């Protein structure tokens, strides 16, 4: 019998991160990997495009990625390349078999 974690990982591959379902290929630090981008949740949490006290707009992103696609766990404060643009990692939450990553960046 498979464990819950085994079945969950299988479902991640088949459905959630499947590029024919919810997943999208994005370039993260030079590697094309399947992720699920969820900028709608950022907007609901007022963490999406916001202006700081100086009036500079920030273009933040949030995505889910499986651990197996990253060489190491993203760390708050590290610079991460996402689709050719540099972002500061603002928050990382460990989820079942993966990470929820919130990136902070300035809108051009």
PDB file of N, CA and C in Angstrom:
ATOM      1  N   UNK A   1       0.840  -1.177   0.000  1.00  0.00           N
ATOM      2  CA  UNK A   1       0.000   0.000   0.000  1.00  0.00           C
ATOM      3  C   UNK A   1       0.894   1.253   0.000  1.00  0.00           C
ATOM      4  N   UNK A   2       0.498   2.208  -0.801  1.00  0.00           N
ATOM      5  CA  UNK A   2       1.261   3.459  -0.881  1.00  0.00           C
ATOM      6  C   UNK A   2       0.951   4.360   0.308  1.00  0.00           C
ATOM      7  N   UNK A   3       1.954   5.115   0.710  1.00  0.00           N
ATOM      8  CA  UNK A   3       1.725   6.073   1.779  1.00  0.00           C
ATOM      9  C   UNK A   3       1.021   7.295   1.198  1.00  0.00           C
ATOM     10  N   UNK A   4       0.452   8.089   2.076  1.00  0.00           N
ATOM     11  CA  UNK A   4      -0.230   9.310   1.657  1.00  0.00           C
ATOM     12  C   UNK A   4       0.722  10.219   0.875  1.00  0.00           C
ATOM     13  N   UNK A   5       1.964  10.361   1.360  1.00  0.00           N
ATOM     14  CA  UNK A   5       2.945  11.218   0.697  1.00  0.00           C
ATOM     15  C   UNK A   5       3.276  10.718  -0.706  1.00  0.00           C
ATOM     16  N   UNK A   6       3.389   9.400  -0.868  1.00  0.00           N
ATOM     17  CA  UNK A   6       3.654   8.823  -2.188  1.00  0.00           C
ATOM     18  C   UNK A   6       2.518   9.142  -3.153  1.00  0.00           C
ATOM     19  N   UNK A   7       1.281   8.974  -2.685  1.00  0.00           N
ATOM     20  CA  UNK A   7       0.128   9.250  -3.538  1.00  0.00           C
ATOM     21  C   UNK A   7       0.039  10.733  -3.865  1.00  0.00           C
ATOM     22  N   UNK A   8       0.339  11.578  -2.891  1.00  0.00           N
ATOM     23  CA  UNK A   8       0.302  13.019  -3.111  1.00  0.00           C
ATOM     24  C   UNK A   8       1.321  13.435  -4.157  1.00  0.00           C
ATOM     25  N   UNK A   9       2.539  12.907  -4.068  1.00  0.00           N
ATOM     26  CA  UNK A   9       3.565  13.236  -5.052  1.00  0.00           C
ATOM     27  C   UNK A   9       3.146  12.776  -6.443  1.00  0.00           C
ATOM     28  N   UNK A  10       2.541  11.617  -6.529  1.00  0.00           N
ATOM     29  CA  UNK A  10       2.047  11.103  -7.803  1.00  0.00           C
ATOM     30  C   UNK A  10       0.983  12.046  -8.382  1.00  0.00           C
ATOM     31  N   UNK A  11       0.075  12.516  -7.521  1.00  0.00           N
ATOM     32  CA  UNK A  11      -0.962  13.458  -7.953  1.00  0.00           C
ATOM     33  C   UNK A  11      -0.357  14.786  -8.384  1.00  0.00           C
ATOM     34  N   UNK A  12       0.683  15.234  -7.682  1.00  0.00           N
ATOM     35  CA  UNK A  12       1.363  16.467  -8.083  1.00  0.00           C
ATOM     36  C   UNK A  12       1.853  16.344  -9.518  1.00  0.00           C
ATOM     37  N   UNK A  13       2.529  15.241  -9.820  1.00  0.00           N
ATOM     38  CA  UNK A  13       3.083  15.043 -11.159  1.00  0.00           C
ATOM     39  C   UNK A  13       1.995  14.919 -12.214  1.00  0.00           C
ATOM     40  N   UNK A  14       0.955  14.165 -11.905  1.00  0.00           N
ATOM     41  CA  UNK A  14      -0.092  13.882 -12.896  1.00  0.00           C
ATOM     42  C   UNK A  14      -1.054  15.038 -13.118  1.00  0.00           C
ATOM     43  N   UNK A  15      -1.317  15.829 -12.084  1.00  0.00           N
ATOM     44  CA  UNK A  15      -2.354  16.856 -12.200  1.00  0.00           C
ATOM     45  C   UNK A  15      -1.823  18.256 -11.916  1.00  0.00           C
ATOM     46  N   UNK A  16      -1.449  18.502 -10.667  1.00  0.00           N
ATOM     47  CA  UNK A  16      -1.170  19.866 -10.234  1.00  0.00           C
ATOM     48  C   UNK A  16      -0.036  20.519 -11.028  1.00  0.00           C
ATOM     49  N   UNK A  17       1.084  19.833 -11.191  1.00  0.00           N
ATOM     50  CA  UNK A  17       2.228  20.404 -11.909  1.00  0.00           C
ATOM     51  C   UNK A  17       2.284  19.977 -13.372  1.00  0.00           C
ATOM     52  N   UNK A  18       1.306  19.227 -13.824  1.00  0.00           N
ATOM     53  CA  UNK A  18       1.225  18.799 -15.224  1.00  0.00           C
ATOM     54  C   UNK A  18       0.956  20.027 -16.095  1.00  0.00           C
ATOM     55  N   UNK A  19       1.798  20.256 -17.107  1.00  0.00           N
ATOM     56  CA  UNK A  19       1.650  21.446 -17.951  1.00  0.00           C
ATOM     57  C   UNK A  19       0.393  21.398 -18.811  1.00  0.00           C
ATOM     58  N   UNK A  20      -0.252  20.252 -18.902  1.00  0.00           N
ATOM     59  CA  UNK A  20      -1.532  20.161 -19.607  1.00  0.00           C
ATOM     60  C   UNK A  20      -2.705  20.446 -18.669  1.00  0.00           C
ATOM     61  N   UNK A  21      -2.429  20.609 -17.392  1.00  0.00           N
ATOM     62  CA  UNK A  21      -3.473  20.890 -16.405  1.00  0.00           C
ATOM     63  C   UNK A  21      -3.227  22.279 -15.793  1.00  0.00           C
ATOM     64  N   UNK A  22      -2.571  22.329 -14.634  1.00  0.00           N
ATOM     65  CA  UNK A  22      -2.360  23.583 -13.918  1.00  0.00           C
ATOM     66  C   UNK A  22      -0.938  24.123 -14.040  1.00  0.00           C
ATOM     67  N   UNK A  23       0.022  23.253 -14.278  1.00  0.00           N
ATOM     68  CA  UNK A  23       1.422  23.653 -14.305  1.00  0.00           C
ATOM     69  C   UNK A  23       1.785  24.467 -15.545  1.00  0.00           C
ATOM     70  N   UNK A  24       2.826  25.263 -15.402  1.00  0.00           N
ATOM     71  CA  UNK A  24       3.384  26.048 -16.503  1.00  0.00           C
ATOM     72  C   UNK A  24       4.899  25.934 -16.420  1.00  0.00           C
ATOM     73  N   UNK A  25       5.552  25.857 -17.580  1.00  0.00           N
ATOM     74  CA  UNK A  25       7.012  25.855 -17.577  1.00  0.00           C
ATOM     75  C   UNK A  25       7.514  27.280 -17.443  1.00  0.00           C
ATOM     76  N   UNK A  26       8.395  27.487 -16.469  1.00  0.00           N
ATOM     77  CA  UNK A  26       9.016  28.791 -16.256  1.00  0.00           C
ATOM     78  C   UNK A  26      10.507  28.582 -16.066  1.00  0.00           C
ATOM     79  N   UNK A  27      11.269  29.594 -16.419  1.00  0.00           N
ATOM     80  CA  UNK A  27      12.717  29.564 -16.281  1.00  0.00           C
ATOM     81  C   UNK A  27      13.072  30.065 -14.888  1.00  0.00           C
ATOM     82  N   UNK A  28      13.602  29.158 -14.068  1.00  0.00           N
ATOM     83  CA  UNK A  28      14.051  29.525 -12.723  1.00  0.00           C
ATOM     84  C   UNK A  28      15.537  29.244 -12.639  1.00  0.00           C
ATOM     85  N   UNK A  29      16.295  30.320 -12.478  1.00  0.00           N
ATOM     86  CA  UNK A  29      17.758  30.233 -12.411  1.00  0.00           C
ATOM     87  C   UNK A  29      18.330  29.423 -13.573  1.00  0.00           C
ATOM     88  N   UNK A  30      17.789  29.637 -14.761  1.00  0.00           N
ATOM     89  CA  UNK A  30      18.324  29.025 -15.974  1.00  0.00           C
ATOM     90  C   UNK A  30      17.787  27.645 -16.298  1.00  0.00           C
ATOM     91  N   UNK A  31      16.865  27.135 -15.489  1.00  0.00           N
ATOM     92  CA  UNK A  31      16.280  25.806 -15.727  1.00  0.00           C
ATOM     93  C   UNK A  31      14.786  25.949 -15.995  1.00  0.00           C
ATOM     94  N   UNK A  32      14.293  25.307 -17.041  1.00  0.00           N
ATOM     95  CA  UNK A  32      12.858  25.277 -17.328  1.00  0.00           C
ATOM     96  C   UNK A  32      12.230  24.191 -16.459  1.00  0.00           C
ATOM     97  N   UNK A  33      11.366  24.600 -15.544  1.00  0.00           N
ATOM     98  CA  UNK A  33      10.741  23.629 -14.651  1.00  0.00           C
ATOM     99  C   UNK A  33       9.242  23.937 -14.524  1.00  0.00           C
ATOM    100  N   UNK A  34       8.438  22.904 -14.230  1.00  0.00           N
ATOM    101  CA  UNK A  34       7.002  23.144 -14.052  1.00  0.00           C
ATOM    102  C   UNK A  34       6.713  23.755 -12.687  1.00  0.00           C
ATOM    103  N   UNK A  35       5.961  24.829 -12.702  1.00  0.00           N
ATOM    104  CA  UNK A  35       5.525  25.493 -11.479  1.00  0.00           C
ATOM    105  C   UNK A  35       4.054  25.858 -11.645  1.00  0.00           C
ATOM    106  N   UNK A  36       3.428  26.233 -10.554  1.00  0.00           N
ATOM    107  CA  UNK A  36       2.086  26.789 -10.589  1.00  0.00           C
ATOM    108  C   UNK A  36       2.186  28.206 -10.042  1.00  0.00           C
ATOM    109  N   UNK A  37       1.897  29.176 -10.901  1.00  0.00           N
ATOM    110  CA  UNK A  37       1.938  30.583 -10.511  1.00  0.00           C
ATOM    111  C   UNK A  37       0.575  30.958  -9.952  1.00  0.00           C
ATOM    112  N   UNK A  38       0.568  31.669  -8.834  1.00  0.00           N
ATOM    113  CA  UNK A  38      -0.699  32.048  -8.192  1.00  0.00           C
ATOM    114  C   UNK A  38      -0.653  33.510  -7.771  1.00  0.00           C
ATOM    115  N   UNK A  39      -0.624  34.406  -8.748  1.00  0.00           N
ATOM    116  CA  UNK A  39      -0.591  35.830  -8.442  1.00  0.00           C
ATOM    117  C   UNK A  39      -1.946  36.348  -7.960  1.00  0.00           C
ATOM    118  N   UNK A  40      -3.026  35.616  -8.241  1.00  0.00           N
ATOM    119  CA  UNK A  40      -4.347  36.017  -7.749  1.00  0.00           C
ATOM    120  C   UNK A  40      -4.394  36.014  -6.221  1.00  0.00           C
ATOM    121  N   UNK A  41      -3.797  35.004  -5.620  1.00  0.00           N
ATOM    122  CA  UNK A  41      -3.757  34.953  -4.158  1.00  0.00           C
ATOM    123  C   UNK A  41      -2.947  36.120  -3.614  1.00  0.00           C
ATOM    124  N   UNK A  42      -1.872  36.480  -4.292  1.00  0.00           N
ATOM    125  CA  UNK A  42      -1.083  37.637  -3.860  1.00  0.00           C
ATOM    126  C   UNK A  42      -1.925  38.897  -3.861  1.00  0.00           C
ATOM    127  N   UNK A  43      -2.709  39.089  -4.913  1.00  0.00           N
ATOM    128  CA  UNK A  43      -3.552  40.278  -4.992  1.00  0.00           C
ATOM    129  C   UNK A  43      -4.598  40.272  -3.877  1.00  0.00           C
ATOM    130  N   UNK A  44      -5.168  39.113  -3.589  1.00  0.00           N
ATOM    131  CA  UNK A  44      -6.147  39.015  -2.510  1.00  0.00           C
ATOM    132  C   UNK A  44      -5.524  39.341  -1.161  1.00  0.00           C
ATOM    133  N   UNK A  45      -4.252  38.998  -1.004  1.00  0.00           N
ATOM    134  CA  UNK A  45      -3.549  39.274   0.253  1.00  0.00           C
ATOM    135  C   UNK A  45      -2.893  40.652   0.255  1.00  0.00           C
ATOM    136  N   UNK A  46      -3.151  41.436  -0.812  1.00  0.00           N
ATOM    137  CA  UNK A  46      -2.541  42.757  -0.983  1.00  0.00           C
ATOM    138  C   UNK A  46      -1.024  42.689  -1.027  1.00  0.00           C
ATOM    139  N   UNK A  47      -0.504  41.610  -1.628  1.00  0.00           N
ATOM    140  CA  UNK A  47       0.939  41.451  -1.754  1.00  0.00           C
ATOM    141  C   UNK A  47       1.379  41.485  -3.210  1.00  0.00           C
ATOM    142  N   UNK A  48       0.471  41.745  -4.127  1.00  0.00           N
ATOM    143  CA  UNK A  48       0.790  41.762  -5.555  1.00  0.00           C
ATOM    144  C   UNK A  48       1.466  43.061  -5.933  1.00  0.00           C
ATOM    145  N   UNK A  49       0.904  43.774  -6.913  1.00  0.00           N
ATOM    146  CA  UNK A  49       1.473  45.065  -7.300  1.00  0.00           C
ATOM    147  C   UNK A  49       1.060  46.102  -6.274  1.00  0.00           C
ATOM    148  N   UNK A  50       2.035  46.594  -5.550  1.00  0.00           N
ATOM    149  CA  UNK A  50       1.781  47.577  -4.505  1.00  0.00           C
ATOM    150  C   UNK A  50       2.794  48.702  -4.637  1.00  0.00           C
ATOM    151  N   UNK A  51       2.458  49.832  -4.083  1.00  0.00           N
ATOM    152  CA  UNK A  51       3.389  50.962  -4.072  1.00  0.00           C
ATOM    153  C   UNK A  51       3.944  51.116  -2.666  1.00  0.00           C
ATOM    154  N   UNK A  52       5.263  51.310  -2.581  1.00  0.00           N
ATOM    155  CA  UNK A  52       5.845  51.543  -1.263  1.00  0.00           C
ATOM    156  C   UNK A  52       5.698  53.022  -0.910  1.00  0.00           C
ATOM    157  N   UNK A  53       6.262  53.441   0.197  1.00  0.00           N
ATOM    158  CA  UNK A  53       6.087  54.815   0.669  1.00  0.00           C
ATOM    159  C   UNK A  53       6.706  55.846  -0.265  1.00  0.00           C
ATOM    160  N   UNK A  54       7.642  55.426  -1.126  1.00  0.00           N
ATOM    161  CA  UNK A  54       8.254  56.341  -2.090  1.00  0.00           C
ATOM    162  C   UNK A  54       7.506  56.344  -3.415  1.00  0.00           C
ATOM    163  N   UNK A  55       6.415  55.582  -3.522  1.00  0.00           N
ATOM    164  CA  UNK A  55       5.645  55.535  -4.756  1.00  0.00           C
ATOM    165  C   UNK A  55       6.218  54.601  -5.803  1.00  0.00           C
ATOM    166  N   UNK A  56       7.169  53.738  -5.414  1.00  0.00           N
ATOM    167  CA  UNK A  56       7.750  52.773  -6.343  1.00  0.00           C
ATOM    168  C   UNK A  56       6.884  51.521  -6.322  1.00  0.00           C
ATOM    169  N   UNK A  57       6.401  51.124  -7.510  1.00  0.00           N
ATOM    170  CA  UNK A  57       5.561  49.936  -7.578  1.00  0.00           C
ATOM    171  C   UNK A  57       6.412  48.682  -7.560  1.00  0.00           C
ATOM    172  N   UNK A  58       5.939  47.705  -6.814  1.00  0.00           N
ATOM    173  CA  UNK A  58       6.618  46.415  -6.760  1.00  0.00           C
ATOM    174  C   UNK A  58       5.777  45.393  -7.496  1.00  0.00           C
ATOM    175  N   UNK A  59       6.437  44.587  -8.301  1.00  0.00           N
ATOM    176  CA  UNK A  59       5.774  43.524  -9.042  1.00  0.00           C
ATOM    177  C   UNK A  59       6.148  42.202  -8.385  1.00  0.00           C
ATOM    178  N   UNK A  60       5.307  41.739  -7.476  1.00  0.00           N
ATOM    179  CA  UNK A  60       5.591  40.520  -6.734  1.00  0.00           C
ATOM    180  C   UNK A  60       4.958  39.322  -7.428  1.00  0.00           C
ATOM    181  N   UNK A  61       5.523  38.155  -7.195  1.00  0.00           N
ATOM    182  CA  UNK A  61       5.017  36.912  -7.781  1.00  0.00           C
ATOM    183  C   UNK A  61       4.988  35.845  -6.704  1.00  0.00           C
ATOM    184  N   UNK A  62       4.068  34.903  -6.877  1.00  0.00           N
ATOM    185  CA  UNK A  62       4.014  33.753  -5.981  1.00  0.00           C
ATOM    186  C   UNK A  62       3.869  32.507  -6.841  1.00  0.00           C
ATOM    187  N   UNK A  63       4.643  31.484  -6.494  1.00  0.00           N
ATOM    188  CA  UNK A  63       4.531  30.235  -7.236  1.00  0.00           C
ATOM    189  C   UNK A  63       4.796  29.051  -6.318  1.00  0.00           C
ATOM    190  N   UNK A  64       4.303  27.901  -6.777  1.00  0.00           N
ATOM    191  CA  UNK A  64       4.512  26.626  -6.098  1.00  0.00           C
ATOM    192  C   UNK A  64       5.456  25.806  -6.959  1.00  0.00           C
ATOM    193  N   UNK A  65       6.399  25.138  -6.319  1.00  0.00           N
ATOM    194  CA  UNK A  65       7.370  24.311  -7.039  1.00  0.00           C
ATOM    195  C   UNK A  65       7.668  23.066  -6.207  1.00  0.00           C
ATOM    196  N   UNK A  66       7.877  21.948  -6.892  1.00  0.00           N
ATOM    197  CA  UNK A  66       8.245  20.716  -6.191  1.00  0.00           C
ATOM    198  C   UNK A  66       9.716  20.768  -5.810  1.00  0.00           C
ATOM    199  N   UNK A  67      10.033  20.234  -4.638  1.00  0.00           N
ATOM    200  CA  UNK A  67      11.414  20.221  -4.134  1.00  0.00           C
ATOM    201  C   UNK A  67      12.369  19.554  -5.112  1.00  0.00           C
ATOM    202  N   UNK A  68      11.900  18.513  -5.765  1.00  0.00           N
ATOM    203  CA  UNK A  68      12.782  17.732  -6.633  1.00  0.00           C
ATOM    204  C   UNK A  68      13.339  18.530  -7.808  1.00  0.00           C
ATOM    205  N   UNK A  69      12.756  19.681  -8.122  1.00  0.00           N
ATOM    206  CA  UNK A  69      13.244  20.472  -9.243  1.00  0.00           C
ATOM    207  C   UNK A  69      14.267  21.530  -8.834  1.00  0.00           C
ATOM    208  N   UNK A  70      14.474  21.718  -7.551  1.00  0.00           N
ATOM    209  CA  UNK A  70      15.423  22.724  -7.081  1.00  0.00           C
ATOM    210  C   UNK A  70      16.614  22.038  -6.419  1.00  0.00           C
ATOM    211  N   UNK A  71      17.795  22.571  -6.667  1.00  0.00           N
ATOM    212  CA  UNK A  71      19.001  22.001  -6.056  1.00  0.00           C
ATOM    213  C   UNK A  71      19.026  22.234  -4.549  1.00  0.00           C
ATOM    214  N   UNK A  72      18.473  23.374  -4.123  1.00  0.00           N
ATOM    215  CA  UNK A  72      18.433  23.681  -2.694  1.00  0.00           C
ATOM    216  C   UNK A  72      17.184  24.486  -2.388  1.00  0.00           C
ATOM    217  N   UNK A  73      16.823  24.508  -1.130  1.00  0.00           N
ATOM    218  CA  UNK A  73      15.642  25.260  -0.699  1.00  0.00           C
ATOM    219  C   UNK A  73      15.890  26.754  -0.889  1.00  0.00           C
ATOM    220  N   UNK A  74      14.942  27.460  -1.500  1.00  0.00           N
ATOM    221  CA  UNK A  74      15.104  28.919  -1.614  1.00  0.00           C
ATOM    222  C   UNK A  74      15.168  29.536  -0.220  1.00  0.00           C
ATOM    223  N   UNK A  75      15.936  30.590  -0.079  1.00  0.00           N
ATOM    224  CA  UNK A  75      16.100  31.253   1.212  1.00  0.00           C
ATOM    225  C   UNK A  75      15.636  32.703   1.112  1.00  0.00           C
ATOM    226  N   UNK A  76      14.970  33.158   2.152  1.00  0.00           N
ATOM    227  CA  UNK A  76      14.544  34.558   2.211  1.00  0.00           C
ATOM    228  C   UNK A  76      15.769  35.445   2.060  1.00  0.00           C
ATOM    229  N   UNK A  77      15.670  36.439   1.180  1.00  0.00           N
ATOM    230  CA  UNK A  77      16.773  37.366   0.948  1.00  0.00           C
ATOM    231  C   UNK A  77      17.654  37.001  -0.234  1.00  0.00           C
ATOM    232  N   UNK A  78      17.542  35.786  -0.731  1.00  0.00           N
ATOM    233  CA  UNK A  78      18.355  35.386  -1.886  1.00  0.00           C
ATOM    234  C   UNK A  78      17.761  35.969  -3.165  1.00  0.00           C
ATOM    235  N   UNK A  79      18.607  36.175  -4.164  1.00  0.00           N
ATOM    236  CA  UNK A  79      18.170  36.630  -5.481  1.00  0.00           C
ATOM    237  C   UNK A  79      17.867  35.394  -6.319  1.00  0.00           C
ATOM    238  N   UNK A  80      16.691  35.402  -6.943  1.00  0.00           N
ATOM    239  CA  UNK A  80      16.276  34.297  -7.781  1.00  0.00           C
ATOM    240  C   UNK A  80      15.867  34.857  -9.137  1.00  0.00           C
ATOM    241  N   UNK A  81      16.318  34.197 -10.198  1.00  0.00           N
ATOM    242  CA  UNK A  81      15.937  34.595 -11.554  1.00  0.00           C
ATOM    243  C   UNK A  81      14.661  33.859 -11.931  1.00  0.00           C
ATOM    244  N   UNK A  82      13.631  34.609 -12.296  1.00  0.00           N
ATOM    245  CA  UNK A  82      12.354  34.025 -12.706  1.00  0.00           C
ATOM    246  C   UNK A  82      12.003  34.599 -14.068  1.00  0.00           C
ATOM    247  N   UNK A  83      12.022  33.742 -15.077  1.00  0.00           N
ATOM    248  CA  UNK A  83      11.745  34.153 -16.465  1.00  0.00           C
ATOM    249  C   UNK A  83      12.608  35.336 -16.893  1.00  0.00           C
ATOM    250  N   UNK A  84      13.897  35.277 -16.538  1.00  0.00           N
ATOM    251  CA  UNK A  84      14.848  36.280 -16.988  1.00  0.00           C
ATOM    252  C   UNK A  84      14.888  37.559 -16.176  1.00  0.00           C
ATOM    253  N   UNK A  85      14.078  37.657 -15.135  1.00  0.00           N
ATOM    254  CA  UNK A  85      14.083  38.846 -14.281  1.00  0.00           C
ATOM    255  C   UNK A  85      14.544  38.459 -12.880  1.00  0.00           C
ATOM    256  N   UNK A  86      15.298  39.349 -12.258  1.00  0.00           N
ATOM    257  CA  UNK A  86      15.803  39.100 -10.901  1.00  0.00           C
ATOM    258  C   UNK A  86      14.786  39.538  -9.860  1.00  0.00           C
ATOM    259  N   UNK A  87      14.573  38.677  -8.896  1.00  0.00           N
ATOM    260  CA  UNK A  87      13.663  38.953  -7.790  1.00  0.00           C
ATOM    261  C   UNK A  87      14.353  38.611  -6.489  1.00  0.00           C
ATOM    262  N   UNK A  88      13.936  39.279  -5.429  1.00  0.00           N
ATOM    263  CA  UNK A  88      14.369  38.964  -4.082  1.00  0.00           C
ATOM    264  C   UNK A  88      13.351  37.991  -3.494  1.00  0.00           C
ATOM    265  N   UNK A  89      13.813  36.896  -2.919  1.00  0.00           N
ATOM    266  CA  UNK A  89      12.906  35.949  -2.283  1.00  0.00           C
ATOM    267  C   UNK A  89      12.405  36.590  -0.989  1.00  0.00           C
ATOM    268  N   UNK A  90      11.095  36.828  -0.935  1.00  0.00           N
ATOM    269  CA  UNK A  90      10.491  37.494   0.218  1.00  0.00           C
ATOM    270  C   UNK A  90       9.984  36.540   1.281  1.00  0.00           C
ATOM    271  N   UNK A  91       9.560  35.343   0.842  1.00  0.00           N
ATOM    272  CA  UNK A  91       9.048  34.365   1.795  1.00  0.00           C
ATOM    273  C   UNK A  91       9.072  32.984   1.144  1.00  0.00           C
ATOM    274  N   UNK A  92       9.311  31.974   1.943  1.00  0.00           N
ATOM    275  CA  UNK A  92       9.293  30.581   1.482  1.00  0.00           C
ATOM    276  C   UNK A  92       8.546  29.767   2.527  1.00  0.00           C
ATOM    277  N   UNK A  93       7.557  29.016   2.064  1.00  0.00           N
ATOM    278  CA  UNK A  93       6.811  28.134   2.960  1.00  0.00           C
ATOM    279  C   UNK A  93       6.935  26.717   2.429  1.00  0.00           C
ATOM    280  N   UNK A  94       7.266  25.796   3.305  1.00  0.00           N
ATOM    281  CA  UNK A  94       7.355  24.390   2.915  1.00  0.00           C
ATOM    282  C   UNK A  94       5.947  23.809   2.865  1.00  0.00           C
ATOM    283  N   UNK A  95       5.666  23.121   1.774  1.00  0.00           N
ATOM    284  CA  UNK A  95       4.396  22.437   1.600  1.00  0.00           C
ATOM    285  C   UNK A  95       4.684  20.965   1.381  1.00  0.00           C
ATOM    286  N   UNK A  96       3.658  20.158   1.195  1.00  0.00           N
ATOM    287  CA  UNK A  96       3.846  18.739   0.905  1.00  0.00           C
ATOM    288  C   UNK A  96       4.705  18.581  -0.340  1.00  0.00           C
ATOM    289  N   UNK A  97       5.936  18.185  -0.185  1.00  0.00           N
ATOM    290  CA  UNK A  97       6.804  17.900  -1.323  1.00  0.00           C
ATOM    291  C   UNK A  97       7.267  19.095  -2.111  1.00  0.00           C
ATOM    292  N   UNK A  98       7.015  20.299  -1.606  1.00  0.00           N
ATOM    293  CA  UNK A  98       7.425  21.467  -2.379  1.00  0.00           C
ATOM    294  C   UNK A  98       7.471  22.732  -1.555  1.00  0.00           C
ATOM    295  N   UNK A  99       7.520  23.834  -2.265  1.00  0.00           N
ATOM    296  CA  UNK A  99       7.627  25.140  -1.636  1.00  0.00           C
ATOM    297  C   UNK A  99       6.624  26.104  -2.262  1.00  0.00           C
ATOM    298  N   UNK A 100       6.120  26.999  -1.449  1.00  0.00           N
ATOM    299  CA  UNK A 100       5.413  28.177  -1.926  1.00  0.00           C
ATOM    300  C   UNK A 100       6.433  29.307  -1.790  1.00  0.00           C
ATOM    301  N   UNK A 101       6.713  29.990  -2.893  1.00  0.00           N
ATOM    302  CA  UNK A 101       7.737  31.029  -2.907  1.00  0.00           C
ATOM    303  C   UNK A 101       7.101  32.351  -3.297  1.00  0.00           C
ATOM    304  N   UNK A 102       7.347  33.386  -2.496  1.00  0.00           N
ATOM    305  CA  UNK A 102       6.904  34.734  -2.835  1.00  0.00           C
ATOM    306  C   UNK A 102       8.128  35.552  -3.188  1.00  0.00           C
ATOM    307  N   UNK A 103       8.100  36.108  -4.397  1.00  0.00           N
ATOM    308  CA  UNK A 103       9.207  36.910  -4.914  1.00  0.00           C
ATOM    309  C   UNK A 103       8.836  38.381  -4.860  1.00  0.00           C
ATOM    310  N   UNK A 104       9.796  39.200  -4.541  1.00  0.00           N
ATOM    311  CA  UNK A 104       9.600  40.652  -4.501  1.00  0.00           C
ATOM    312  C   UNK A 104      10.438  41.279  -5.605  1.00  0.00           C
ATOM    313  N   UNK A 105       9.805  42.134  -6.411  1.00  0.00           N
ATOM    314  CA  UNK A 105      10.538  42.785  -7.493  1.00  0.00           C
ATOM    315  C   UNK A 105       9.944  44.121  -7.821  1.00  0.00           C
ATOM    316  N   UNK A 106      10.731  44.999  -8.409  1.00  0.00           N
ATOM    317  CA  UNK A 106      10.256  46.312  -8.823  1.00  0.00           C
ATOM    318  C   UNK A 106       9.678  46.235 -10.220  1.00  0.00           C
ATOM    319  N   UNK A 107       8.533  46.841 -10.421  1.00  0.00           N
ATOM    320  CA  UNK A 107       7.914  46.880 -11.746  1.00  0.00           C
ATOM    321  C   UNK A 107       8.603  47.945 -12.587  1.00  0.00           C
ATOM    322  N   UNK A 108       8.869  47.588 -13.819  1.00  0.00           N
ATOM    323  CA  UNK A 108       9.542  48.531 -14.709  1.00  0.00           C
ATOM    324  C   UNK A 108       8.614  49.403 -15.475  1.00  0.00           C
TER     325      UNK A 108
END
